[in-house]
Protein backbone atom coordinates (compact mmCIF):
# COMPACT_ATOMS: atom_id res chain seq x y z
CA MET A 1 -64.95 312.00 110.98
CA LEU A 2 -64.84 310.62 107.53
CA ASN A 3 -61.26 309.25 107.94
CA TRP A 4 -62.38 307.83 111.31
CA SER A 5 -65.00 305.79 109.62
CA LEU A 6 -62.71 305.19 106.56
CA ASN A 7 -60.11 303.45 108.91
CA ARG A 8 -62.67 301.66 111.02
CA ASN A 9 -63.77 300.11 107.84
CA LEU A 10 -60.36 299.04 106.62
CA GLU A 11 -59.40 297.48 109.72
CA ALA A 12 -62.99 295.20 109.87
CA SER A 13 -62.21 294.42 106.19
CA ALA A 14 -58.52 293.11 106.96
CA SER A 15 -59.74 291.16 109.74
CA ASP A 16 -62.39 289.39 107.40
CA PHE A 17 -59.81 288.52 105.21
CA GLY A 18 -57.28 287.52 107.74
CA ASP A 19 -54.82 289.84 107.95
CA PRO A 20 -51.88 288.47 110.06
CA THR A 21 -51.18 291.81 111.73
CA LEU A 22 -54.66 291.53 113.37
CA ASN A 23 -55.33 287.86 113.47
CA ASP A 24 -51.94 286.86 115.09
CA MET A 25 -53.28 286.16 118.31
CA PRO A 26 -52.35 283.16 120.64
CA PRO A 27 -55.59 280.72 120.51
CA GLU A 28 -57.54 280.18 123.71
CA PRO A 29 -56.05 277.25 125.77
CA ILE A 30 -57.85 274.01 125.92
CA ALA A 31 -58.76 273.29 129.48
CA ALA A 32 -57.69 269.60 130.34
CA PRO A 33 -60.48 267.19 131.30
CA PRO A 34 -60.88 267.05 134.75
CA VAL A 35 -59.24 263.92 136.50
CA LYS A 36 -62.01 261.32 137.45
CA PRO A 37 -61.61 260.98 141.40
CA LYS A 38 -60.82 257.23 142.47
CA ILE A 39 -61.09 255.18 145.75
CA ALA A 40 -58.04 253.56 147.45
CA LEU A 41 -59.03 250.33 149.12
CA ALA A 42 -57.55 248.96 152.27
CA LEU A 43 -58.58 245.34 152.37
CA GLY A 44 -58.36 243.62 155.73
CA GLY A 45 -57.17 240.21 157.05
CA GLY A 46 -59.46 237.45 157.79
CA ALA A 47 -58.34 234.22 156.38
CA ALA A 48 -61.30 232.28 154.68
CA ARG A 49 -63.53 235.60 155.12
CA GLY A 50 -61.24 237.33 152.75
CA TRP A 51 -62.92 235.61 149.63
CA ALA A 52 -65.46 238.34 150.24
CA HIS A 53 -62.81 240.94 148.99
CA ILE A 54 -63.31 239.09 145.34
CA GLY A 55 -67.17 240.24 145.64
CA VAL A 56 -66.53 243.62 146.63
CA LEU A 57 -64.01 243.99 143.44
CA ARG A 58 -66.51 242.79 141.16
CA ALA A 59 -69.30 245.18 142.51
CA LEU A 60 -66.88 248.16 142.07
CA ASP A 61 -66.09 247.30 138.72
CA GLU A 62 -69.46 246.69 137.50
CA GLU A 63 -70.27 250.30 138.49
CA GLY A 64 -67.08 251.78 136.79
CA ILE A 65 -65.47 252.63 139.77
CA ASP A 66 -61.92 253.15 139.47
CA VAL A 67 -59.24 251.80 142.35
CA SER A 68 -56.11 253.91 142.71
CA MET A 69 -54.14 251.97 144.81
CA ILE A 70 -54.76 248.82 147.27
CA ALA A 71 -53.13 248.26 150.33
CA GLY A 72 -53.77 244.65 151.77
CA THR A 73 -53.30 242.63 154.86
CA SER A 74 -53.22 238.65 154.74
CA ILE A 75 -55.45 237.26 152.39
CA GLY A 76 -56.47 241.21 151.53
CA ALA A 77 -53.03 241.41 150.16
CA LEU A 78 -53.43 238.15 148.23
CA VAL A 79 -57.03 239.28 146.67
CA GLY A 80 -55.46 242.86 145.85
CA GLY A 81 -52.30 241.90 144.44
CA CYS A 82 -54.00 239.44 142.05
CA TYR A 83 -56.68 241.92 141.10
CA LEU A 84 -54.04 244.65 140.13
CA ALA A 85 -52.16 241.89 138.57
CA GLY A 86 -55.04 241.01 136.32
CA LYS A 87 -55.27 237.70 137.82
CA LEU A 88 -58.91 238.10 139.70
CA ASP A 89 -60.59 235.55 137.24
CA GLU A 90 -58.03 233.03 138.26
CA LEU A 91 -58.07 233.56 141.85
CA GLU A 92 -62.24 233.44 141.94
CA ALA A 93 -61.77 230.02 139.74
CA PHE A 94 -59.60 228.50 142.12
CA ALA A 95 -61.42 229.66 145.15
CA ARG A 96 -64.73 228.51 144.13
CA SER A 97 -63.07 224.92 143.37
CA LEU A 98 -61.88 224.41 146.51
CA THR A 99 -63.19 221.71 148.90
CA MET A 100 -62.00 220.11 152.11
CA ARG A 101 -60.14 217.45 150.48
CA ARG A 102 -58.39 219.77 148.00
CA ILE A 103 -57.44 222.21 150.70
CA ALA A 104 -55.90 219.27 152.28
CA SER A 105 -53.72 218.38 149.61
CA LEU A 106 -52.39 221.99 149.32
CA LEU A 107 -51.00 222.18 152.88
CA ASP A 108 -47.56 220.38 153.36
CA PHE A 109 -47.69 219.42 157.03
CA THR A 110 -44.16 219.94 158.97
CA ILE A 111 -43.17 219.01 162.20
CA ARG A 112 -39.65 220.70 161.87
CA GLY A 113 -40.36 224.10 160.87
CA SER A 114 -41.84 227.08 162.72
CA GLY A 115 -45.14 226.51 161.46
CA LEU A 116 -47.73 223.66 161.19
CA PHE A 117 -47.55 224.17 156.93
CA GLY A 118 -44.74 224.86 154.81
CA GLY A 119 -46.82 226.83 152.41
CA MET A 120 -44.81 225.71 149.38
CA ARG A 121 -47.61 223.81 147.60
CA LEU A 122 -49.74 226.92 147.80
CA THR A 123 -46.67 229.11 146.63
CA ARG A 124 -46.09 226.72 143.39
CA ARG A 125 -49.53 227.41 142.72
CA MET A 126 -49.47 231.07 142.99
CA GLN A 127 -45.91 230.89 140.25
CA GLU A 128 -48.32 229.30 137.86
CA HIS A 129 -49.71 232.78 137.19
CA LEU A 130 -47.62 235.06 139.45
CA GLU A 131 -44.11 234.20 139.22
CA THR A 132 -42.71 237.03 137.07
CA HIS A 133 -44.90 240.02 138.50
CA LEU A 134 -43.03 242.53 140.36
CA ILE A 135 -45.22 244.95 142.64
CA GLU A 136 -43.47 248.11 141.02
CA ASP A 137 -44.82 246.82 137.30
CA LEU A 138 -48.38 246.68 138.45
CA GLY A 139 -49.55 250.19 137.31
CA ARG A 140 -50.80 251.17 140.36
CA PRO A 141 -49.57 251.49 143.85
CA PHE A 142 -49.97 248.04 146.13
CA VAL A 143 -48.53 247.62 149.43
CA ALA A 144 -48.57 244.13 151.41
CA VAL A 145 -48.30 244.78 155.30
CA ALA A 146 -46.43 242.04 157.17
CA THR A 147 -45.01 241.91 160.58
CA GLU A 148 -41.34 241.41 161.59
CA VAL A 149 -41.32 238.71 164.12
CA ASN A 150 -38.04 239.40 165.92
CA SER A 151 -38.75 243.21 166.25
CA GLY A 152 -42.62 243.67 166.16
CA HIS A 153 -42.13 246.14 163.64
CA GLU A 154 -45.01 246.95 160.90
CA VAL A 155 -43.58 246.33 157.39
CA TRP A 156 -44.94 247.55 154.29
CA ILE A 157 -43.69 245.70 151.26
CA ASN A 158 -44.24 247.99 148.27
CA SER A 159 -41.68 246.81 145.64
CA GLY A 160 -40.17 243.40 144.67
CA SER A 161 -41.51 239.90 144.23
CA LEU A 162 -45.27 240.04 144.26
CA ILE A 163 -45.74 236.55 145.56
CA THR A 164 -43.06 237.22 148.31
CA ALA A 165 -45.05 239.95 149.71
CA ILE A 166 -48.34 238.08 149.47
CA ARG A 167 -46.83 235.04 151.32
CA ALA A 168 -45.09 237.37 154.08
CA SER A 169 -48.62 239.22 154.61
CA TYR A 170 -50.37 235.64 155.13
CA ALA A 171 -47.88 233.85 157.15
CA LEU A 172 -50.05 233.09 160.11
CA PRO A 173 -47.78 232.50 163.10
CA GLY A 174 -48.15 228.66 164.06
CA ILE A 175 -49.96 227.88 160.90
CA PHE A 176 -47.40 228.95 157.96
CA GLU A 177 -43.73 229.07 158.58
CA PRO A 178 -42.34 232.89 158.42
CA VAL A 179 -41.13 234.33 155.25
CA LYS A 180 -37.50 235.18 154.91
CA CYS A 181 -37.23 238.66 153.11
CA ASN A 182 -34.07 240.76 152.97
CA GLY A 183 -32.57 239.89 155.96
CA ARG A 184 -36.11 240.04 157.74
CA THR A 185 -38.43 237.14 159.14
CA LEU A 186 -41.79 237.97 158.40
CA VAL A 187 -45.06 236.81 159.39
CA ASP A 188 -48.94 238.08 158.99
CA GLY A 189 -49.44 241.78 159.01
CA ALA A 190 -52.99 241.20 160.77
CA LEU A 191 -50.83 241.07 164.01
CA VAL A 192 -49.97 244.86 163.87
CA ASN A 193 -52.48 246.37 161.02
CA PRO A 194 -55.39 244.03 160.21
CA VAL A 195 -57.45 246.67 158.15
CA PRO A 196 -54.23 248.96 156.46
CA VAL A 197 -55.96 252.35 156.13
CA SER A 198 -53.06 254.14 157.38
CA VAL A 199 -51.24 252.76 154.43
CA CYS A 200 -53.58 254.54 152.38
CA ARG A 201 -53.72 257.75 154.25
CA SER A 202 -49.83 257.85 153.63
CA TYR A 203 -50.20 257.99 149.91
CA GLU A 204 -52.58 260.99 150.07
CA GLU A 205 -55.18 259.31 148.90
CA GLN A 206 -58.82 261.24 148.59
CA LEU A 207 -61.04 258.48 149.36
CA VAL A 208 -60.17 255.57 151.48
CA VAL A 209 -62.62 252.71 151.58
CA ALA A 210 -61.79 250.11 154.01
CA VAL A 211 -63.31 246.33 153.99
CA ASN A 212 -63.22 245.00 157.41
CA LEU A 213 -64.01 241.15 157.53
CA ASN A 214 -64.27 240.90 161.31
CA TYR A 215 -66.73 243.66 162.33
CA ASP A 216 -69.37 241.40 163.56
CA LEU A 217 -67.39 238.70 164.97
CA TYR A 218 -67.56 239.51 168.71
CA GLY A 219 -69.07 243.07 169.14
CA ARG A 220 -68.00 245.24 171.43
CA SER A 221 -65.60 244.07 174.30
CA ALA A 222 -66.83 243.66 177.61
CA VAL A 223 -65.23 243.60 181.23
CA ILE A 224 -66.77 240.27 182.93
CA LYS A 225 -66.25 240.12 186.62
CA HIS A 226 -66.14 236.15 187.41
CA ASN A 227 -66.30 233.91 190.21
CA ALA A 228 -63.54 231.44 190.11
CA GLY A 229 -65.75 228.81 192.21
CA THR A 230 -64.77 226.41 194.45
CA GLN A 231 -62.88 223.59 193.00
CA GLY A 232 -59.63 222.77 194.19
CA PRO A 233 -56.45 222.45 192.30
CA GLU A 234 -56.03 218.69 192.35
CA GLU A 235 -59.65 217.87 191.65
CA PRO A 236 -60.57 216.36 188.15
CA ARG A 237 -61.51 218.80 185.51
CA GLN A 238 -65.17 217.81 184.36
CA GLU A 239 -65.45 219.26 180.87
CA SER A 240 -68.18 218.16 178.25
CA GLY A 241 -66.67 217.39 174.70
CA ALA A 242 -68.28 220.18 173.06
CA ALA A 243 -66.56 222.83 175.49
CA ARG A 244 -63.06 221.18 174.81
CA LEU A 245 -61.13 223.00 172.47
CA GLY A 246 -58.27 221.42 170.53
CA LEU A 247 -54.75 223.18 169.99
CA ALA A 248 -55.74 224.75 166.44
CA ALA A 249 -59.34 225.59 167.67
CA VAL A 250 -57.35 227.78 170.63
CA MET A 251 -55.08 229.20 168.15
CA VAL A 252 -57.56 230.35 165.59
CA GLN A 253 -59.85 231.77 168.23
CA SER A 254 -57.00 233.57 169.92
CA PHE A 255 -56.07 234.96 166.69
CA ASN A 256 -59.70 235.99 166.10
CA ILE A 257 -59.71 237.87 169.55
CA ILE A 258 -56.29 239.65 168.74
CA GLN A 259 -57.06 240.53 165.18
CA ASP A 260 -60.71 242.11 166.28
CA ARG A 261 -59.10 244.25 169.18
CA VAL A 262 -56.25 245.48 167.03
CA THR A 263 -58.64 246.46 164.32
CA ARG A 264 -60.80 248.44 166.74
CA ALA A 265 -58.07 250.13 168.07
CA ARG A 266 -56.24 251.15 164.78
CA LEU A 267 -59.53 252.16 163.00
CA ALA A 268 -60.35 254.47 166.15
CA GLY A 269 -57.31 256.28 165.74
CA ASP A 270 -57.17 256.62 161.93
CA PRO A 271 -60.76 255.65 160.51
CA PRO A 272 -61.58 255.45 156.92
CA ASP A 273 -63.72 257.63 154.67
CA MET A 274 -66.16 254.91 154.46
CA ALA A 275 -66.06 251.17 155.92
CA LEU A 276 -67.52 247.96 154.21
CA HIS A 277 -68.70 245.29 156.68
CA PRO A 278 -69.76 241.95 154.77
CA LYS A 279 -71.75 239.69 157.24
CA LEU A 280 -69.29 237.03 157.57
CA SER A 281 -69.28 235.86 161.38
CA ASP A 282 -70.62 232.54 160.48
CA ILE A 283 -67.64 231.75 158.13
CA GLY A 284 -64.72 230.36 160.21
CA LEU A 285 -61.19 231.25 159.51
CA SER A 286 -60.27 227.68 157.85
CA GLU A 287 -63.45 227.67 155.90
CA PHE A 288 -62.11 228.24 152.54
CA HIS A 289 -64.43 225.87 150.94
CA ARG A 290 -67.21 228.47 151.35
CA ALA A 291 -65.71 230.86 148.90
CA GLY A 292 -69.04 231.13 146.79
CA GLU A 293 -70.97 232.26 150.24
CA ALA A 294 -68.37 234.71 151.22
CA ILE A 295 -67.69 236.34 147.73
CA GLU A 296 -71.70 237.00 147.30
CA ARG A 297 -71.65 238.53 150.44
CA GLY A 298 -68.79 240.73 149.79
CA TYR A 299 -70.59 241.38 146.53
CA LEU A 300 -73.80 242.56 148.11
CA GLU A 301 -72.25 244.46 150.76
CA ALA A 302 -70.56 246.91 148.12
CA LYS A 303 -73.62 246.93 145.81
CA ALA A 304 -75.55 248.21 148.92
CA ARG A 305 -73.11 251.10 149.56
CA ILE A 306 -72.52 252.25 145.93
CA PHE A 307 -74.72 255.18 146.16
CA GLU A 308 -72.67 256.46 149.21
CA ILE A 309 -69.45 255.94 147.27
CA THR A 310 -70.51 257.74 144.16
CA ARG A 311 -71.95 260.47 146.21
CA ILE A 312 -68.50 261.17 147.93
CA LEU A 313 -66.80 261.19 144.45
CA ASP A 314 -69.14 263.76 143.15
CA VAL A 315 -68.37 265.81 145.96
CA ILE A 316 -64.55 265.39 145.43
CA HIS A 317 -64.87 266.06 141.80
CA ALA A 318 -66.69 269.27 142.12
CA ARG A 319 -64.21 270.59 144.49
């Protein structure tokens, strides 16, 4: 009994003085801090309405919500690419400076090419800020969606020249000339994937937030039974000036309809975790001079949904 007590006391004393035979135990592993969940953004096409993407990104930055990747179509590729390249301030300043006259000065009209405008003046303006930028150097994944005009294939540009990728993604058929890119002829990605949620899904992102610029443009599609009337083929058409549409207006309206219908079909099959719908129906595709309004509406829409976004992020973080 005495020997047992003595041995126990000796062991305790050795422990107090740091006996290596008793204290040579591996330290407790330090748990790595949990990875903060982020969101993937699918920025949709919509021409001038796309300035709303700037407001959305501003709101997310204000709330400290990190973006893990961006997939962009058309102007969504332009805004998303500039954001990841650290050039959002310059893009916003440019957008807010646009007037009708300045827009006209940036468009190089041509009658010989395959579009009304060559787009080289816009390209030169982008080169001032993005000329040396490569997609793989942005620090986060970026994908610009385009359409191969010869085959109709959906093309995901995820490496190489950032300017070329952006130009290809917004090359609206009939308006801007197609972009030649490594043997492919590319036009606007909105023809095949106006809001590229599927791209974010392929990168296995946990939370995909889509920004749909055309949600309230037409409403749900309808089928109308219509009477052709009794007017003969040789009678002159009586059409008021207000009802007549020029070539450009017909092209723009047709593209609006295509984009809206394709968007609804694609999102029905592959919905995002959350969709933002800025109210932009009164801003036309070509009204780039209304950038201030579009940015503000995008900002307000994102701010109104911050609670929902953070709630989902908290759920993901707790898993």
